[in-house]
Structure formats: structure tokens, C-alpha cells
Amino acid sequence: MNNLFRYFSIISKHSTVYLDKALESFELCGCHRVYIKRIVENPGITRDKIKQIAHVHPSNTTRTIDYMESLGYVIKKVSVQDKRICELYPTDKLKDAYNVLVKAEQEWIDIITKDINETELEVFSNLITKMTNNSIECIHKKEN
């Protein structure tokens, strides 16, 4: 049980390395995963909404979105409802990266779950969901 943290860290690092390789030709990396997915799946999403969903620091969100915009992946538009808010829209280039990302995610899941049966996977999925919720509650309770 005391190795659980170590195992989570290893899987997390290796997941990022796997996605880094998949996104390399786009000049993106695994750390951009959450931004790619949120912007493509939710055109018009705001920086604040991404920050809330992804649980990332606002400066990281700003820096990453600016980087993606500089490479032509994101279009920023001022909100019609509130001129202070910037909405984010994917370009076709980002949609291409998204398709590669989704494929790579599934490949990675297949790799790390290759010797796990459906019942074990279901139990693990339920447990990891509970752990994730506990971590969110703990960290965000401390922030408030």
C-alpha cells in the first residue's frame, strides 16, 4: 500500500511521455492534453472554465493557451455577452491534433490494462474515481 503513490507517479509520467511522442509532430506535448480536449470538445469554452475543469493554475492556463494560439491551434474571440471574457475555439489544426491524441490515449489505456479483465477494470475504475474525488475535495477545500 505504501507504494501506491509511487505507482501513480510512474504511470502519470509514462502517460505523459507516451502522449509527448504522439503529439511531437504538432509541437505539442502530453501536458497540453487537457487543453486540446476541452477546447475541441467545448468550442467557445473560457480560460476560467478550463482552469476549473482541469484543476490547473491560472498562469499555466494563460501561458498554454497563448502558446497554442501562437502556433495556430486556437482562435480567441471576445464574448458577445461579456467583453471581459475570451472564448476559445479550435482550428482544424487543433482538431487534427485532437484525433491523434484520442487515438494515443486509447492505445495507452490498452497497453497498461492488457492483463486486466473487465471485472478488475470496473472495480479499478470505481476506486480511482473515488480517489480522484477525494483528492479534488482535499485540495480545493484547502484553497477556499
Protein backbone atom coordinates (compact mmCIF):
# COMPACT_ATOMS: atom_id res chain seq x y z
CA MET A 1 0.00 0.00 0.00
CA ASN A 2 2.85 2.39 0.74
CA ASN A 3 3.96 2.12 -2.93
CA LEU A 4 0.64 3.42 -4.25
CA PHE A 5 1.90 6.98 -4.58
CA ARG A 6 4.99 5.76 -6.41
CA TYR A 7 2.90 3.71 -8.86
CA PHE A 8 0.54 6.61 -9.59
CA SER A 9 3.57 8.83 -10.25
CA ILE A 10 5.17 6.32 -12.61
CA ILE A 11 2.01 5.77 -14.61
CA SER A 12 1.38 9.51 -14.80
CA LYS A 13 4.90 10.25 -16.01
CA HIS A 14 4.86 7.44 -18.56
CA SER A 15 1.43 8.53 -19.81
CA THR A 16 2.82 11.98 -20.48
CA VAL A 17 5.87 10.54 -22.25
CA TYR A 18 3.61 8.40 -24.46
CA LEU A 19 1.45 11.40 -25.37
CA ASP A 20 4.56 13.57 -25.89
CA LYS A 21 5.66 11.19 -28.63
CA ALA A 22 2.23 11.11 -30.23
CA LEU A 23 1.93 14.91 -30.32
CA GLU A 24 5.55 15.70 -31.16
CA SER A 25 4.89 16.49 -34.83
CA PHE A 26 2.31 19.09 -33.72
CA GLU A 27 4.81 20.87 -31.43
CA LEU A 28 2.50 19.94 -28.57
CA CYS A 29 3.01 17.56 -25.68
CA GLY A 30 1.16 15.47 -23.13
CA CYS A 31 0.84 18.41 -20.77
CA HIS A 32 -1.38 20.08 -23.38
CA ARG A 33 -3.82 17.15 -23.33
CA VAL A 34 -6.49 18.74 -21.17
CA TYR A 35 -6.48 21.97 -23.18
CA ILE A 36 -6.71 20.17 -26.51
CA LYS A 37 -9.60 18.03 -25.33
CA ARG A 38 -11.57 20.79 -23.62
CA ILE A 39 -11.27 23.30 -26.47
CA VAL A 40 -12.17 20.81 -29.22
CA GLU A 41 -15.00 19.20 -27.24
CA ASN A 42 -16.38 22.54 -25.99
CA PRO A 43 -15.92 25.26 -28.64
CA GLY A 44 -16.32 28.67 -27.01
CA ILE A 45 -15.05 27.50 -23.62
CA THR A 46 -13.35 30.15 -21.49
CA ARG A 47 -9.98 30.07 -19.74
CA ASP A 48 -11.72 30.10 -16.35
CA LYS A 49 -13.84 27.10 -17.25
CA ILE A 50 -10.76 25.15 -18.39
CA LYS A 51 -9.00 26.11 -15.15
CA GLN A 52 -11.94 24.81 -13.10
CA ILE A 53 -12.28 21.56 -15.05
CA ALA A 54 -8.56 20.83 -15.33
CA HIS A 55 -7.55 21.92 -11.82
CA VAL A 56 -4.58 23.90 -13.12
CA HIS A 57 -3.11 27.23 -12.04
CA PRO A 58 -4.44 30.27 -13.94
CA SER A 59 -0.94 31.29 -15.10
CA ASN A 60 -0.42 27.84 -16.64
CA THR A 61 -3.74 28.13 -18.43
CA THR A 62 -2.88 31.56 -19.84
CA ARG A 63 0.63 30.53 -20.89
CA THR A 64 -0.56 27.32 -22.58
CA ILE A 65 -3.44 28.95 -24.43
CA ASP A 66 -1.17 31.77 -25.64
CA TYR A 67 1.35 29.17 -26.86
CA MET A 68 -1.35 27.20 -28.67
CA GLU A 69 -2.69 30.38 -30.24
CA SER A 70 0.81 31.36 -31.44
CA LEU A 71 1.03 28.01 -33.28
CA GLY A 72 -2.39 28.46 -34.89
CA TYR A 73 -4.30 25.89 -32.82
CA VAL A 74 -6.68 28.22 -31.01
CA ILE A 75 -8.77 31.21 -32.01
CA LYS A 76 -9.65 33.67 -29.23
CA LYS A 77 -12.87 35.64 -29.56
CA VAL A 78 -14.27 38.24 -27.19
CA SER A 79 -17.57 37.09 -25.72
CA VAL A 80 -20.66 38.82 -27.08
CA GLN A 81 -22.27 38.66 -23.61
CA ASP A 82 -19.27 39.94 -21.65
CA LYS A 83 -16.43 41.84 -23.33
CA ARG A 84 -14.08 40.90 -20.45
CA ILE A 85 -14.31 37.21 -21.30
CA CYS A 86 -12.38 35.47 -24.07
CA GLU A 87 -13.89 32.40 -25.72
CA LEU A 88 -11.63 29.74 -27.21
CA TYR A 89 -12.29 27.95 -30.48
CA PRO A 90 -10.32 25.13 -32.11
CA THR A 91 -8.81 25.42 -35.55
CA ASP A 92 -8.75 22.49 -37.97
CA LYS A 93 -5.11 22.08 -36.98
CA LEU A 94 -6.14 21.53 -33.34
CA LYS A 95 -8.83 19.08 -34.42
CA ASP A 96 -6.15 17.06 -36.22
CA ALA A 97 -4.02 17.01 -33.05
CA TYR A 98 -7.12 16.02 -31.08
CA ASN A 99 -7.70 12.98 -33.31
CA VAL A 100 -4.10 11.85 -32.81
CA LEU A 101 -4.42 12.46 -29.06
CA VAL A 102 -7.61 10.43 -28.68
CA LYS A 103 -6.05 7.54 -30.59
CA ALA A 104 -2.88 7.70 -28.45
CA GLU A 105 -4.92 7.77 -25.23
CA GLN A 106 -6.76 4.61 -26.24
CA GLU A 107 -3.52 2.91 -27.23
CA TRP A 108 -2.00 3.80 -23.85
CA ILE A 109 -5.04 2.51 -21.95
CA ASP A 110 -4.85 -0.73 -23.96
CA ILE A 111 -1.14 -1.05 -23.12
CA ILE A 112 -1.46 -0.52 -19.37
CA THR A 113 -4.61 -2.64 -18.99
CA LYS A 114 -3.58 -5.53 -21.25
CA ASP A 115 -3.58 -8.16 -18.49
CA ILE A 116 -6.62 -6.84 -16.63
CA ASN A 117 -10.03 -8.42 -17.10
CA GLU A 118 -13.30 -6.47 -17.38
CA THR A 119 -14.32 -7.10 -13.76
CA GLU A 120 -10.97 -5.91 -12.43
CA LEU A 121 -11.10 -2.89 -14.71
CA GLU A 122 -14.59 -1.98 -13.48
CA VAL A 123 -13.51 -2.22 -9.83
CA PHE A 124 -10.36 -0.21 -10.52
CA SER A 125 -12.33 2.45 -12.40
CA ASN A 126 -14.72 2.86 -9.49
CA LEU A 127 -11.88 3.08 -6.98
CA ILE A 128 -9.79 5.53 -8.98
CA THR A 129 -12.87 7.73 -9.43
CA LYS A 130 -13.35 7.81 -5.65
CA MET A 131 -9.66 8.61 -5.14
CA THR A 132 -9.83 11.42 -7.67
CA ASN A 133 -12.90 12.91 -5.99
CA ASN A 134 -11.16 12.69 -2.61
CA SER A 135 -8.10 14.48 -3.96
CA ILE A 136 -10.20 17.25 -5.51
CA GLU A 137 -12.14 17.72 -2.29
CA CYS A 138 -8.97 17.83 -0.19
CA ILE A 139 -7.08 20.32 -2.35
CA HIS A 140 -9.98 22.61 -3.13
CA LYS A 141 -11.15 22.67 0.47
CA LYS A 142 -7.69 23.95 1.42
CA GLU A 143 -7.80 26.62 -1.32
CA ASN A 144 -11.09 28.10 -0.07
